[in-house]
């Protein structure tokens, strides 16, 4: 059985070089522009997405627990830059999830947003509306 001309001599060398170059180019393009990632990066991305999903569910519950605690809001407003410590003081766990630094920061941001919403509502209700004259 005779070998095809493409697999003999100089043509064979060029053919194998083309395969190698094509493989390297496919890998480079895949990682640079194709969205390919290593397994370590994929695990990190999965963990981050899981954490963000959990936070989106737990933060509103944490805010509700915190605002329901006696004296928590007053202490939160009086706290300076360490508002996450005030959150950790009043809310220890939310739905069997213990309070850690990132969770406390997210909850503090949620409490600030909730307080600003209620302050805006109070201002709009308390101020007389200006009518057309």
N, C-alpha and C. Protein backbone atom coordinates (compact mmCIF):
# COMPACT_ATOMS: atom_id res chain seq x y z
N UNK A 1 0.84 -1.17 0.00
CA UNK A 1 0.00 0.00 0.00
C UNK A 1 0.89 1.24 0.00
N UNK A 2 0.60 2.12 -0.89
CA UNK A 2 1.41 3.31 -1.07
C UNK A 2 0.87 4.45 -0.21
N UNK A 3 1.78 5.24 0.43
CA UNK A 3 1.42 6.38 1.27
C UNK A 3 1.06 7.56 0.37
N UNK A 4 0.06 8.37 0.76
CA UNK A 4 -0.26 9.55 -0.04
C UNK A 4 0.94 10.50 -0.08
N UNK A 5 0.99 11.31 -1.12
CA UNK A 5 2.10 12.23 -1.31
C UNK A 5 2.20 13.25 -0.18
N UNK A 6 1.09 13.61 0.44
CA UNK A 6 1.10 14.61 1.50
C UNK A 6 1.83 14.11 2.75
N UNK A 7 1.94 12.80 2.90
CA UNK A 7 2.60 12.22 4.06
C UNK A 7 4.02 11.73 3.74
N UNK A 8 4.63 12.21 2.68
CA UNK A 8 5.98 11.80 2.33
C UNK A 8 6.89 13.02 2.17
N UNK A 9 8.12 12.86 2.66
CA UNK A 9 9.17 13.85 2.45
C UNK A 9 8.87 15.22 3.02
N UNK A 10 9.18 16.27 2.20
CA UNK A 10 9.02 17.66 2.61
C UNK A 10 7.56 17.99 2.88
N UNK A 11 6.64 17.45 2.14
CA UNK A 11 5.21 17.72 2.33
C UNK A 11 4.74 17.22 3.70
N UNK A 12 5.29 16.10 4.13
CA UNK A 12 4.94 15.54 5.43
C UNK A 12 5.36 16.50 6.55
N UNK A 13 6.55 17.04 6.45
CA UNK A 13 7.05 17.98 7.45
C UNK A 13 6.14 19.21 7.51
N UNK A 14 5.80 19.77 6.37
CA UNK A 14 4.93 20.95 6.32
C UNK A 14 3.54 20.62 6.87
N UNK A 15 3.03 19.43 6.55
CA UNK A 15 1.72 19.01 7.03
C UNK A 15 1.71 18.93 8.56
N UNK A 16 2.72 18.32 9.16
CA UNK A 16 2.80 18.20 10.62
C UNK A 16 3.02 19.56 11.28
N UNK A 17 3.80 20.44 10.65
CA UNK A 17 3.98 21.78 11.17
C UNK A 17 2.66 22.56 11.16
N UNK A 18 1.88 22.37 10.13
CA UNK A 18 0.57 23.02 10.03
C UNK A 18 -0.38 22.55 11.13
N UNK A 19 -0.34 21.25 11.41
CA UNK A 19 -1.18 20.72 12.49
C UNK A 19 -0.75 21.31 13.83
N UNK A 20 0.54 21.35 14.09
CA UNK A 20 1.05 21.89 15.36
C UNK A 20 0.71 23.38 15.48
N UNK A 21 0.92 24.14 14.42
CA UNK A 21 0.61 25.57 14.45
C UNK A 21 -0.88 25.80 14.66
N UNK A 22 -1.71 25.02 14.00
CA UNK A 22 -3.16 25.15 14.15
C UNK A 22 -3.61 24.84 15.57
N UNK A 23 -3.01 23.82 16.20
CA UNK A 23 -3.37 23.47 17.57
C UNK A 23 -2.99 24.59 18.53
N UNK A 24 -1.77 25.12 18.39
CA UNK A 24 -1.33 26.21 19.25
C UNK A 24 -2.20 27.45 19.04
N UNK A 25 -2.53 27.76 17.80
CA UNK A 25 -3.37 28.92 17.51
C UNK A 25 -4.77 28.73 18.11
N UNK A 26 -5.34 27.53 18.01
CA UNK A 26 -6.67 27.27 18.56
C UNK A 26 -6.68 27.44 20.07
N UNK A 27 -5.65 26.96 20.74
CA UNK A 27 -5.57 27.09 22.19
C UNK A 27 -5.39 28.56 22.58
N UNK A 28 -4.51 29.27 21.90
CA UNK A 28 -4.28 30.68 22.21
C UNK A 28 -5.55 31.51 21.99
N UNK A 29 -6.20 31.32 20.88
CA UNK A 29 -7.44 32.06 20.59
C UNK A 29 -8.53 31.67 21.58
N UNK A 30 -8.61 30.42 21.92
CA UNK A 30 -9.63 29.96 22.87
C UNK A 30 -9.48 30.58 24.24
N UNK A 31 -8.26 30.66 24.74
CA UNK A 31 -8.04 31.25 26.07
C UNK A 31 -8.12 32.77 26.05
N UNK A 32 -7.66 33.40 24.96
CA UNK A 32 -7.67 34.86 24.92
C UNK A 32 -9.05 35.43 24.62
N UNK A 33 -9.71 34.91 23.60
CA UNK A 33 -10.97 35.51 23.16
C UNK A 33 -12.16 34.56 23.24
N UNK A 34 -11.91 33.28 23.39
CA UNK A 34 -13.00 32.30 23.35
C UNK A 34 -13.67 32.03 24.67
N UNK A 35 -13.13 32.58 25.75
CA UNK A 35 -13.76 32.37 27.04
C UNK A 35 -13.33 31.09 27.75
N UNK A 36 -12.33 30.42 27.26
CA UNK A 36 -11.86 29.22 27.92
C UNK A 36 -11.17 29.61 29.23
N UNK A 37 -11.32 28.79 30.26
CA UNK A 37 -10.66 29.02 31.54
C UNK A 37 -10.10 27.71 32.05
N UNK A 38 -9.16 27.82 32.97
CA UNK A 38 -8.61 26.62 33.60
C UNK A 38 -9.57 26.12 34.66
N UNK A 39 -9.34 24.93 35.15
CA UNK A 39 -10.25 24.37 36.16
C UNK A 39 -10.20 25.16 37.46
N UNK A 40 -9.06 25.69 37.82
CA UNK A 40 -8.95 26.50 39.03
C UNK A 40 -9.77 27.78 38.93
N UNK A 41 -9.71 28.43 37.77
CA UNK A 41 -10.49 29.64 37.55
C UNK A 41 -11.98 29.31 37.55
N UNK A 42 -12.34 28.19 36.96
CA UNK A 42 -13.75 27.78 36.93
C UNK A 42 -14.27 27.51 38.34
N UNK A 43 -13.46 26.88 39.17
CA UNK A 43 -13.87 26.63 40.56
C UNK A 43 -14.03 27.94 41.33
N UNK A 44 -13.12 28.89 41.11
CA UNK A 44 -13.22 30.19 41.75
C UNK A 44 -14.48 30.93 41.31
N UNK A 45 -14.77 30.90 40.02
CA UNK A 45 -15.96 31.55 39.49
C UNK A 45 -17.23 30.90 40.05
N UNK A 46 -17.23 29.59 40.18
CA UNK A 46 -18.39 28.88 40.72
C UNK A 46 -18.61 29.25 42.17
N UNK A 47 -17.53 29.28 42.95
CA UNK A 47 -17.65 29.64 44.36
C UNK A 47 -18.14 31.07 44.52
N UNK A 48 -17.66 31.98 43.68
CA UNK A 48 -18.09 33.37 43.76
C UNK A 48 -19.57 33.51 43.39
N UNK A 49 -20.00 32.80 42.37
CA UNK A 49 -21.40 32.86 41.97
C UNK A 49 -22.31 32.27 43.05
N UNK A 50 -21.86 31.19 43.67
CA UNK A 50 -22.62 30.60 44.76
C UNK A 50 -22.74 31.57 45.93
N UNK A 51 -21.64 32.22 46.28
CA UNK A 51 -21.65 33.17 47.37
C UNK A 51 -22.55 34.36 47.07
N UNK A 52 -22.47 34.88 45.84
CA UNK A 52 -23.33 36.01 45.46
C UNK A 52 -24.80 35.62 45.47
N UNK A 53 -25.11 34.41 45.03
CA UNK A 53 -26.49 33.95 45.05
C UNK A 53 -27.01 33.80 46.47
N UNK A 54 -26.17 33.25 47.34
CA UNK A 54 -26.56 33.09 48.74
C UNK A 54 -26.75 34.45 49.39
N UNK A 55 -25.87 35.39 49.10
CA UNK A 55 -25.98 36.72 49.69
C UNK A 55 -27.26 37.43 49.23
N UNK A 56 -27.62 37.24 47.98
CA UNK A 56 -28.82 37.91 47.48
C UNK A 56 -30.08 37.44 48.18
N UNK A 57 -30.04 36.22 48.72
CA UNK A 57 -31.18 35.70 49.46
C UNK A 57 -31.08 36.05 50.94
N UNK A 58 -29.89 35.98 51.51
CA UNK A 58 -29.73 36.15 52.95
C UNK A 58 -29.67 37.60 53.41
N UNK A 59 -29.22 38.51 52.59
CA UNK A 59 -29.08 39.91 53.02
C UNK A 59 -30.42 40.52 53.40
N UNK A 60 -31.49 40.35 52.61
CA UNK A 60 -32.77 40.92 53.05
C UNK A 60 -33.27 40.34 54.38
N UNK A 61 -32.99 39.08 54.63
CA UNK A 61 -33.37 38.46 55.90
C UNK A 61 -32.55 39.07 57.03
N UNK A 62 -31.26 39.27 56.79
CA UNK A 62 -30.39 39.89 57.78
C UNK A 62 -30.84 41.31 58.10
N UNK A 63 -31.21 42.06 57.07
CA UNK A 63 -31.68 43.44 57.26
C UNK A 63 -32.94 43.44 58.11
N UNK A 64 -33.85 42.53 57.83
CA UNK A 64 -35.09 42.45 58.61
C UNK A 64 -34.81 42.09 60.06
N UNK A 65 -33.90 41.13 60.28
CA UNK A 65 -33.55 40.74 61.65
C UNK A 65 -32.88 41.90 62.38
N UNK A 66 -32.02 42.60 61.70
CA UNK A 66 -31.29 43.70 62.34
C UNK A 66 -32.22 44.84 62.70
N UNK A 67 -33.08 45.25 61.77
CA UNK A 67 -33.96 46.38 62.05
C UNK A 67 -35.00 46.04 63.11
N UNK A 68 -35.29 44.75 63.31
CA UNK A 68 -36.26 44.34 64.33
C UNK A 68 -35.64 44.32 65.72
N UNK A 69 -34.31 44.30 65.83
CA UNK A 69 -33.64 44.25 67.13
C UNK A 69 -33.75 45.61 67.82
N UNK A 70 -33.95 45.58 69.13
CA UNK A 70 -34.10 46.82 69.91
C UNK A 70 -32.78 47.60 69.97
N UNK A 71 -32.82 48.85 69.58
CA UNK A 71 -31.66 49.73 69.68
C UNK A 71 -30.62 49.53 68.60
N UNK A 72 -30.85 48.60 67.69
CA UNK A 72 -29.84 48.31 66.67
C UNK A 72 -29.70 49.45 65.67
N UNK A 73 -30.81 50.00 65.24
CA UNK A 73 -30.76 51.06 64.23
C UNK A 73 -30.09 52.31 64.78
N UNK A 74 -30.40 52.64 66.04
CA UNK A 74 -29.77 53.83 66.65
C UNK A 74 -28.27 53.64 66.76
N UNK A 75 -27.84 52.46 67.16
CA UNK A 75 -26.40 52.20 67.28
C UNK A 75 -25.75 52.18 65.91
N UNK A 76 -26.48 51.68 64.90
CA UNK A 76 -25.95 51.64 63.54
C UNK A 76 -25.73 53.06 63.02
N UNK A 77 -26.71 53.94 63.25
CA UNK A 77 -26.58 55.33 62.80
C UNK A 77 -25.44 56.05 63.51
N UNK A 78 -25.21 55.69 64.79
CA UNK A 78 -24.15 56.34 65.57
C UNK A 78 -22.77 55.80 65.23
N UNK A 79 -22.71 54.60 64.67
CA UNK A 79 -21.41 53.98 64.37
C UNK A 79 -20.72 54.75 63.25
N UNK A 80 -19.43 54.77 63.32
CA UNK A 80 -18.65 55.45 62.28
C UNK A 80 -18.46 54.56 61.08
N UNK A 81 -17.23 54.19 60.83
CA UNK A 81 -16.92 53.39 59.66
C UNK A 81 -17.00 51.89 59.92
N UNK A 82 -17.22 51.50 61.16
CA UNK A 82 -17.23 50.07 61.49
C UNK A 82 -18.66 49.57 61.68
N UNK A 83 -19.52 49.84 60.72
CA UNK A 83 -20.92 49.46 60.83
C UNK A 83 -21.11 47.94 60.72
N UNK A 84 -20.17 47.26 60.05
CA UNK A 84 -20.28 45.81 59.96
C UNK A 84 -20.10 45.15 61.33
N UNK A 85 -19.35 45.78 62.23
CA UNK A 85 -19.22 45.25 63.59
C UNK A 85 -20.53 45.35 64.35
N UNK A 86 -21.29 46.42 64.11
CA UNK A 86 -22.59 46.58 64.75
C UNK A 86 -23.54 45.49 64.24
N UNK A 87 -23.48 45.21 62.97
CA UNK A 87 -24.31 44.15 62.39
C UNK A 87 -23.98 42.81 63.05
N UNK A 88 -22.69 42.51 63.15
CA UNK A 88 -22.26 41.24 63.75
C UNK A 88 -22.66 41.14 65.22
N UNK A 89 -22.77 42.27 65.88
CA UNK A 89 -23.15 42.29 67.29
C UNK A 89 -24.62 41.89 67.48
N UNK A 90 -25.49 42.34 66.59
CA UNK A 90 -26.92 42.10 66.75
C UNK A 90 -27.41 40.85 66.02
N UNK A 91 -26.78 40.49 64.91
CA UNK A 91 -27.22 39.33 64.13
C UNK A 91 -26.06 38.34 64.09
N UNK A 92 -26.25 37.20 64.72
CA UNK A 92 -25.18 36.18 64.77
C UNK A 92 -25.28 35.20 63.60
N UNK A 93 -26.50 34.73 63.32
CA UNK A 93 -26.70 33.79 62.21
C UNK A 93 -27.97 34.17 61.46
N UNK A 94 -27.98 33.84 60.19
CA UNK A 94 -29.16 34.03 59.35
C UNK A 94 -29.36 32.73 58.59
N UNK A 95 -30.47 32.08 58.85
CA UNK A 95 -30.81 30.82 58.17
C UNK A 95 -29.64 29.82 58.25
N UNK A 96 -29.12 29.62 59.43
CA UNK A 96 -28.04 28.69 59.72
C UNK A 96 -26.72 29.07 59.05
N UNK A 97 -26.61 30.31 58.60
CA UNK A 97 -25.35 30.81 58.04
C UNK A 97 -24.75 31.78 59.03
N UNK A 98 -23.55 31.48 59.49
CA UNK A 98 -22.93 32.34 60.49
C UNK A 98 -22.43 33.63 59.83
N UNK A 99 -22.36 34.67 60.63
CA UNK A 99 -21.97 35.98 60.15
C UNK A 99 -20.45 36.03 59.98
N UNK A 100 -19.99 36.32 58.76
CA UNK A 100 -18.57 36.55 58.53
C UNK A 100 -18.40 37.98 58.02
N UNK A 101 -17.18 38.35 57.72
CA UNK A 101 -16.88 39.74 57.36
C UNK A 101 -17.64 40.18 56.11
N UNK A 102 -17.58 39.38 55.04
CA UNK A 102 -18.22 39.79 53.79
C UNK A 102 -19.74 39.82 53.93
N UNK A 103 -20.29 38.88 54.70
CA UNK A 103 -21.73 38.86 54.92
C UNK A 103 -22.15 40.07 55.74
N UNK A 104 -21.37 40.43 56.75
CA UNK A 104 -21.68 41.60 57.57
C UNK A 104 -21.60 42.88 56.73
N UNK A 105 -20.62 42.97 55.84
CA UNK A 105 -20.51 44.16 54.97
C UNK A 105 -21.71 44.27 54.04
N UNK A 106 -22.12 43.13 53.47
CA UNK A 106 -23.27 43.14 52.57
C UNK A 106 -24.55 43.51 53.33
N UNK A 107 -24.68 42.99 54.55
CA UNK A 107 -25.85 43.31 55.37
C UNK A 107 -25.84 44.78 55.77
N UNK A 108 -24.67 45.33 56.09
CA UNK A 108 -24.56 46.74 56.44
C UNK A 108 -24.97 47.62 55.25
N UNK A 109 -24.56 47.23 54.06
CA UNK A 109 -24.97 47.99 52.87
C UNK A 109 -26.47 47.90 52.67
N UNK A 110 -27.05 46.73 52.95
CA UNK A 110 -28.50 46.58 52.85
C UNK A 110 -29.24 47.42 53.88
N UNK A 111 -28.71 47.48 55.10
CA UNK A 111 -29.32 48.29 56.15
C UNK A 111 -29.24 49.77 55.76
N UNK A 112 -28.10 50.21 55.24
CA UNK A 112 -27.97 51.61 54.81
C UNK A 112 -28.97 51.94 53.71
N UNK A 113 -29.14 51.02 52.77
CA UNK A 113 -30.10 51.25 51.70
C UNK A 113 -31.53 51.32 52.25
N UNK A 114 -31.84 50.43 53.17
CA UNK A 114 -33.18 50.42 53.77
C UNK A 114 -33.43 51.70 54.56
N UNK A 115 -32.45 52.16 55.31
CA UNK A 115 -32.61 53.39 56.08
C UNK A 115 -32.76 54.60 55.17
N UNK A 116 -32.04 54.64 54.07
CA UNK A 116 -32.16 55.77 53.15
C UNK A 116 -33.52 55.75 52.46
N UNK A 117 -34.05 54.55 52.19
CA UNK A 117 -35.39 54.46 51.60
C UNK A 117 -36.45 54.98 52.55
N UNK A 118 -36.36 54.56 53.80
CA UNK A 118 -37.35 55.01 54.78
C UNK A 118 -37.22 56.50 55.05
N UNK A 119 -36.01 57.02 55.04
CA UNK A 119 -35.82 58.47 55.23
C UNK A 119 -36.41 59.25 54.07
N UNK A 120 -36.26 58.74 52.86
CA UNK A 120 -36.82 59.40 51.69
C UNK A 120 -38.35 59.39 51.74
N UNK A 121 -38.93 58.27 52.17
CA UNK A 121 -40.38 58.17 52.29
C UNK A 121 -40.90 59.15 53.34
N UNK A 122 -40.20 59.23 54.47
CA UNK A 122 -40.62 60.13 55.54
C UNK A 122 -40.55 61.58 55.08
N UNK A 123 -39.52 61.93 54.32
CA UNK A 123 -39.40 63.30 53.82
C UNK A 123 -40.51 63.63 52.83
N UNK A 124 -40.83 62.69 51.94
CA UNK A 124 -41.86 62.97 50.95
C UNK A 124 -43.25 63.01 51.56
N UNK A 125 -43.49 62.25 52.61
CA UNK A 125 -44.79 62.26 53.27
C UNK A 125 -44.91 63.50 54.15
N UNK A 126 -43.85 63.88 54.85
CA UNK A 126 -43.88 64.98 55.80
C UNK A 126 -43.89 66.36 55.16
N UNK A 127 -43.38 66.50 53.96
CA UNK A 127 -43.30 67.83 53.36
C UNK A 127 -44.57 68.15 52.61
N UNK A 128 -45.07 69.38 52.71
CA UNK A 128 -46.28 69.74 51.98
C UNK A 128 -45.97 69.83 50.49
N UNK A 129 -46.92 69.39 49.69
CA UNK A 129 -46.73 69.42 48.24
C UNK A 129 -47.01 70.81 47.71
N UNK A 130 -46.18 71.23 46.83
CA UNK A 130 -46.33 72.55 46.24
C UNK A 130 -47.33 72.42 45.09
N UNK A 131 -48.38 73.18 45.13
CA UNK A 131 -49.38 73.13 44.08
C UNK A 131 -49.15 74.24 43.08
N UNK A 132 -49.84 74.13 41.98
CA UNK A 132 -49.74 75.17 40.97
C UNK A 132 -50.58 76.36 41.41
N UNK A 133 -50.09 77.54 41.24
CA UNK A 133 -50.80 78.72 41.68
C UNK A 133 -51.26 79.56 40.55
